[in-house]
C-alpha cells in the first residue's frame, strides 16, 4: 500500500469515527457537540474524496 492509499484509509476511518461520535452526541441531546463533530466528519469525508480523486488520477496517468 502506498502513502496515498494509507491517507485515504486514515481519513475514511476518521470520518466514520467522528460521524459515530456525533450520532451518540445527538442521541444524548448534546446538539452543539453533535453538530461540531458532524462538521468535522464532513470535512474528513471531503478530504477523503479529494485523496481518492488524486489517487485515481495517479493510476490513470501511470497506465
Protein backbone atom coordinates (compact mmCIF):
# COMPACT_ATOMS: atom_id res chain seq x y z
CA UNK A 1 0.00 0.00 0.00
CA UNK A 2 1.39 3.37 -0.96
CA UNK A 3 1.22 6.61 1.01
CA UNK A 4 -1.91 8.00 -0.62
CA UNK A 5 -3.79 4.74 0.00
CA UNK A 6 -2.83 4.92 3.67
CA UNK A 7 -4.04 8.53 3.82
CA UNK A 8 -7.36 7.51 2.22
CA UNK A 9 -7.84 4.75 4.80
CA UNK A 10 -6.95 7.08 7.67
CA UNK A 11 -9.33 9.86 6.52
CA UNK A 12 -12.10 7.35 5.91
CA UNK A 13 -11.69 5.90 9.39
CA UNK A 14 -11.59 9.39 10.89
CA UNK A 15 -14.79 10.43 9.10
CA UNK A 16 -16.54 7.27 10.24
CA UNK A 17 -15.43 7.65 13.85
CA UNK A 18 -16.45 11.31 14.01
CA UNK A 19 -19.83 10.53 12.49
CA UNK A 20 -20.44 7.79 15.05
CA UNK A 21 -19.45 10.13 17.89
CA UNK A 22 -21.77 12.81 16.51
CA UNK A 23 -24.65 10.34 16.40
CA UNK A 24 -24.03 9.40 20.02
CA UNK A 25 -23.97 13.08 21.00
CA UNK A 26 -27.22 13.77 19.15
CA UNK A 27 -28.90 10.81 20.86
CA UNK A 28 -27.78 12.22 24.20
CA UNK A 29 -29.38 15.55 23.18
CA UNK A 30 -25.97 17.21 23.15
CA UNK A 31 -26.68 19.08 19.93
CA UNK A 32 -23.77 21.55 19.99
CA UNK A 33 -21.21 18.77 20.33
CA UNK A 34 -23.02 16.63 17.76
CA UNK A 35 -23.07 19.46 15.25
CA UNK A 36 -19.37 20.18 15.76
CA UNK A 37 -18.44 16.50 15.39
CA UNK A 38 -20.60 16.07 12.29
CA UNK A 39 -18.97 19.13 10.69
CA UNK A 40 -15.57 17.56 11.35
CA UNK A 41 -16.81 14.27 9.87
CA UNK A 42 -17.95 16.08 6.72
CA UNK A 43 -14.58 17.82 6.40
CA UNK A 44 -12.75 14.50 6.77
CA UNK A 45 -15.05 12.95 4.17
CA UNK A 46 -14.36 15.76 1.72
CA UNK A 47 -10.61 15.32 2.29
CA UNK A 48 -11.02 11.59 1.68
CA UNK A 49 -12.88 12.21 -1.58
CA UNK A 50 -10.13 14.60 -2.70
CA UNK A 51 -7.49 11.97 -1.95
CA UNK A 52 -9.45 9.33 -3.88
CA UNK A 53 -9.61 11.64 -6.90
CA UNK A 54 -5.87 12.26 -6.63
CA UNK A 55 -5.21 8.51 -6.40
CA UNK A 56 -7.48 7.82 -9.40
CA UNK A 57 -5.65 10.44 -11.44
CA UNK A 58 -2.29 8.92 -10.48
CA UNK A 59 -3.49 5.48 -11.52
CA UNK A 60 -4.78 6.82 -14.85
CA UNK A 61 -1.51 8.57 -15.69
CA UNK A 62 0.55 5.53 -14.63
CA UNK A 63 -1.03 3.38 -17.33
